[in-house]
């Protein structure tokens, strides 16, 4: 182990790799992800502002999750009003690394588009 390896132990090691297709970037500060309600099956698009709603993992909290960014969000659809609690971790490119969705599930943009084009 060289001097630089001891000084910067994580240099060159990749962080958690995100799954593409679950988010869509809109403009400079918009990020969309999509969930489906377990109760009624409604597919819901959720828009986040990358400047205010998404939190960066840093300081003492940086090892508490797999992603570089995260958000906790309560989502309510228009059909059955079931509260969907979502905690989503993102990598540096805002791809989903891990998602914990209570009363629903994370779906891809293509799955969401299929629902909206069938109407």
C-alpha atoms as a PDB file:
ATOM      1  CA  UNK A   1       0.000   0.000   0.000  1.00  0.00           C
ATOM      2  CA  UNK A   2       1.487   3.296  -1.084  1.00  0.00           C
ATOM      3  CA  UNK A   3       1.438   6.665   0.572  1.00  0.00           C
ATOM      4  CA  UNK A   4      -1.456   7.950  -1.559  1.00  0.00           C
ATOM      5  CA  UNK A   5      -3.476   4.776  -0.948  1.00  0.00           C
ATOM      6  CA  UNK A   6      -3.219   5.353   2.787  1.00  0.00           C
ATOM      7  CA  UNK A   7      -3.982   9.046   2.443  1.00  0.00           C
ATOM      8  CA  UNK A   8      -7.010   8.516   0.149  1.00  0.00           C
ATOM      9  CA  UNK A   9      -8.313   4.979   0.788  1.00  0.00           C
ATOM     10  CA  UNK A  10     -11.506   5.416  -1.279  1.00  0.00           C
ATOM     11  CA  UNK A  11      -9.898   7.141  -4.254  1.00  0.00           C
ATOM     12  CA  UNK A  12     -10.696   5.261  -7.447  1.00  0.00           C
ATOM     13  CA  UNK A  13     -13.233   2.969  -5.800  1.00  0.00           C
ATOM     14  CA  UNK A  14     -16.645   3.246  -7.383  1.00  0.00           C
ATOM     15  CA  UNK A  15     -19.601   4.106  -5.222  1.00  0.00           C
ATOM     16  CA  UNK A  16     -22.962   2.371  -5.497  1.00  0.00           C
ATOM     17  CA  UNK A  17     -24.114   1.964  -9.085  1.00  0.00           C
ATOM     18  CA  UNK A  18     -27.605   3.183  -9.907  1.00  0.00           C
ATOM     19  CA  UNK A  19     -30.248   1.561 -12.086  1.00  0.00           C
ATOM     20  CA  UNK A  20     -31.205   3.651 -15.089  1.00  0.00           C
ATOM     21  CA  UNK A  21     -34.769   3.972 -16.368  1.00  0.00           C
ATOM     22  CA  UNK A  22     -36.388   4.796 -13.031  1.00  0.00           C
ATOM     23  CA  UNK A  23     -35.764   8.549 -13.211  1.00  0.00           C
ATOM     24  CA  UNK A  24     -36.030  11.241 -15.839  1.00  0.00           C
ATOM     25  CA  UNK A  25     -34.248  14.594 -15.741  1.00  0.00           C
ATOM     26  CA  UNK A  26     -36.279  17.669 -16.682  1.00  0.00           C
ATOM     27  CA  UNK A  27     -34.502  20.938 -17.332  1.00  0.00           C
ATOM     28  CA  UNK A  28     -31.778  22.074 -14.988  1.00  0.00           C
ATOM     29  CA  UNK A  29     -33.359  21.257 -11.617  1.00  0.00           C
ATOM     30  CA  UNK A  30     -36.212  18.802 -12.215  1.00  0.00           C
ATOM     31  CA  UNK A  31     -36.129  15.066 -11.510  1.00  0.00           C
ATOM     32  CA  UNK A  32     -39.042  12.648 -11.999  1.00  0.00           C
ATOM     33  CA  UNK A  33     -39.528   9.187 -10.519  1.00  0.00           C
ATOM     34  CA  UNK A  34     -42.566   6.947 -10.705  1.00  0.00           C
ATOM     35  CA  UNK A  35     -44.501   4.788  -8.214  1.00  0.00           C
ATOM     36  CA  UNK A  36     -47.506   2.507  -8.355  1.00  0.00           C
ATOM     37  CA  UNK A  37     -50.048   2.250  -5.531  1.00  0.00           C
ATOM     38  CA  UNK A  38     -50.503  -1.231  -4.029  1.00  0.00           C
ATOM     39  CA  UNK A  39     -54.177  -0.613  -3.224  1.00  0.00           C
ATOM     40  CA  UNK A  40     -55.639   0.686  -6.503  1.00  0.00           C
ATOM     41  CA  UNK A  41     -52.794   0.256  -9.015  1.00  0.00           C
ATOM     42  CA  UNK A  42     -52.634   3.960  -9.903  1.00  0.00           C
ATOM     43  CA  UNK A  43     -49.328   4.994 -11.469  1.00  0.00           C
ATOM     44  CA  UNK A  44     -48.076   8.308 -10.101  1.00  0.00           C
ATOM     45  CA  UNK A  45     -45.366  10.614 -11.410  1.00  0.00           C
ATOM     46  CA  UNK A  46     -43.417  12.425  -8.681  1.00  0.00           C
ATOM     47  CA  UNK A  47     -41.411  15.569  -9.496  1.00  0.00           C
ATOM     48  CA  UNK A  48     -38.512  16.627  -7.289  1.00  0.00           C
ATOM     49  CA  UNK A  49     -36.364  19.747  -7.327  1.00  0.00           C
ATOM     50  CA  UNK A  50     -32.712  18.748  -7.166  1.00  0.00           C
ATOM     51  CA  UNK A  51     -31.839  22.053  -5.482  1.00  0.00           C
ATOM     52  CA  UNK A  52     -34.197  21.786  -2.512  1.00  0.00           C
ATOM     53  CA  UNK A  53     -35.920  18.410  -2.074  1.00  0.00           C
ATOM     54  CA  UNK A  54     -33.061  15.976  -2.579  1.00  0.00           C
ATOM     55  CA  UNK A  55     -30.542  15.728   0.253  1.00  0.00           C
ATOM     56  CA  UNK A  56     -26.824  15.016  -0.142  1.00  0.00           C
ATOM     57  CA  UNK A  57     -25.325  12.405   2.164  1.00  0.00           C
ATOM     58  CA  UNK A  58     -22.341  14.050   3.821  1.00  0.00           C
ATOM     59  CA  UNK A  59     -20.697  14.389   7.188  1.00  0.00           C
ATOM     60  CA  UNK A  60     -21.649  11.793   9.797  1.00  0.00           C
ATOM     61  CA  UNK A  61     -24.628  10.580   7.701  1.00  0.00           C
ATOM     62  CA  UNK A  62     -22.673   9.692   4.554  1.00  0.00           C
ATOM     63  CA  UNK A  63     -22.298   6.006   5.506  1.00  0.00           C
ATOM     64  CA  UNK A  64     -25.976   5.514   6.449  1.00  0.00           C
ATOM     65  CA  UNK A  65     -27.149   4.667   2.943  1.00  0.00           C
ATOM     66  CA  UNK A  66     -25.938   3.394  -0.396  1.00  0.00           C
ATOM     67  CA  UNK A  67     -26.561   6.524  -2.452  1.00  0.00           C
ATOM     68  CA  UNK A  68     -24.851   9.887  -2.701  1.00  0.00           C
ATOM     69  CA  UNK A  69     -28.281  11.607  -2.562  1.00  0.00           C
ATOM     70  CA  UNK A  70     -31.611  10.632  -0.994  1.00  0.00           C
ATOM     71  CA  UNK A  71     -35.188  11.812  -0.558  1.00  0.00           C
ATOM     72  CA  UNK A  72     -38.019  10.874   1.790  1.00  0.00           C
ATOM     73  CA  UNK A  73     -41.426  11.674   0.362  1.00  0.00           C
ATOM     74  CA  UNK A  74     -45.097  11.007   1.162  1.00  0.00           C
ATOM     75  CA  UNK A  75     -47.067  10.543  -2.060  1.00  0.00           C
ATOM     76  CA  UNK A  76     -50.852  10.548  -2.430  1.00  0.00           C
ATOM     77  CA  UNK A  77     -52.589   9.688  -5.686  1.00  0.00           C
ATOM     78  CA  UNK A  78     -55.940  10.927  -6.950  1.00  0.00           C
ATOM     79  CA  UNK A  79     -57.845   7.613  -6.993  1.00  0.00           C
ATOM     80  CA  UNK A  80     -57.768   6.092  -3.503  1.00  0.00           C
ATOM     81  CA  UNK A  81     -55.786   8.567  -1.362  1.00  0.00           C
ATOM     82  CA  UNK A  82     -53.504   5.838   0.034  1.00  0.00           C
ATOM     83  CA  UNK A  83     -50.393   7.405   1.597  1.00  0.00           C
ATOM     84  CA  UNK A  84     -47.293   6.013  -0.111  1.00  0.00           C
ATOM     85  CA  UNK A  85     -44.110   6.528   1.914  1.00  0.00           C
ATOM     86  CA  UNK A  86     -40.983   6.546  -0.259  1.00  0.00           C
ATOM     87  CA  UNK A  87     -37.298   6.657   0.655  1.00  0.00           C
ATOM     88  CA  UNK A  88     -35.181   6.691  -2.500  1.00  0.00           C
ATOM     89  CA  UNK A  89     -31.372   6.733  -2.759  1.00  0.00           C
ATOM     90  CA  UNK A  90     -29.712   8.179  -5.881  1.00  0.00           C
ATOM     91  CA  UNK A  91     -26.183   8.080  -7.287  1.00  0.00           C
ATOM     92  CA  UNK A  92     -24.338  11.179  -8.531  1.00  0.00           C
ATOM     93  CA  UNK A  93     -26.235  11.051 -11.864  1.00  0.00           C
ATOM     94  CA  UNK A  94     -29.620  10.743 -10.092  1.00  0.00           C
ATOM     95  CA  UNK A  95     -30.123   7.094 -11.020  1.00  0.00           C
ATOM     96  CA  UNK A  96     -31.939   5.047  -8.376  1.00  0.00           C
ATOM     97  CA  UNK A  97     -29.556   2.999  -6.214  1.00  0.00           C
ATOM     98  CA  UNK A  98     -32.121   1.723  -3.713  1.00  0.00           C
ATOM     99  CA  UNK A  99     -35.799   2.403  -3.022  1.00  0.00           C
ATOM    100  CA  UNK A 100     -37.943   1.559  -0.005  1.00  0.00           C
ATOM    101  CA  UNK A 101     -41.592   2.167  -0.903  1.00  0.00           C
ATOM    102  CA  UNK A 102     -44.344   1.438   1.658  1.00  0.00           C
ATOM    103  CA  UNK A 103     -47.834   0.787   0.170  1.00  0.00           C
ATOM    104  CA  UNK A 104     -46.480   0.952  -3.363  1.00  0.00           C
ATOM    105  CA  UNK A 105     -43.621   0.071  -5.659  1.00  0.00           C
ATOM    106  CA  UNK A 106     -41.114   1.905  -7.822  1.00  0.00           C
ATOM    107  CA  UNK A 107     -41.769   1.587 -11.560  1.00  0.00           C
ATOM    108  CA  UNK A 108     -39.789   2.621 -14.629  1.00  0.00           C
ATOM    109  CA  UNK A 109     -40.620   5.546 -16.890  1.00  0.00           C
ATOM    110  CA  UNK A 110     -41.589   3.062 -19.637  1.00  0.00           C
ATOM    111  CA  UNK A 111     -44.102   1.352 -17.314  1.00  0.00           C
ATOM    112  CA  UNK A 112     -45.576   4.741 -16.452  1.00  0.00           C
ATOM    113  CA  UNK A 113     -45.766   5.741 -20.129  1.00  0.00           C
ATOM    114  CA  UNK A 114     -47.583   2.483 -20.979  1.00  0.00           C
ATOM    115  CA  UNK A 115     -50.336   3.382 -18.507  1.00  0.00           C
ATOM    116  CA  UNK A 116     -50.754   6.952 -19.737  1.00  0.00           C
ATOM    117  CA  UNK A 117     -50.758   5.972 -23.426  1.00  0.00           C
ATOM    118  CA  UNK A 118     -53.520   3.373 -22.824  1.00  0.00           C
ATOM    119  CA  UNK A 119     -55.974   6.065 -21.662  1.00  0.00           C
END
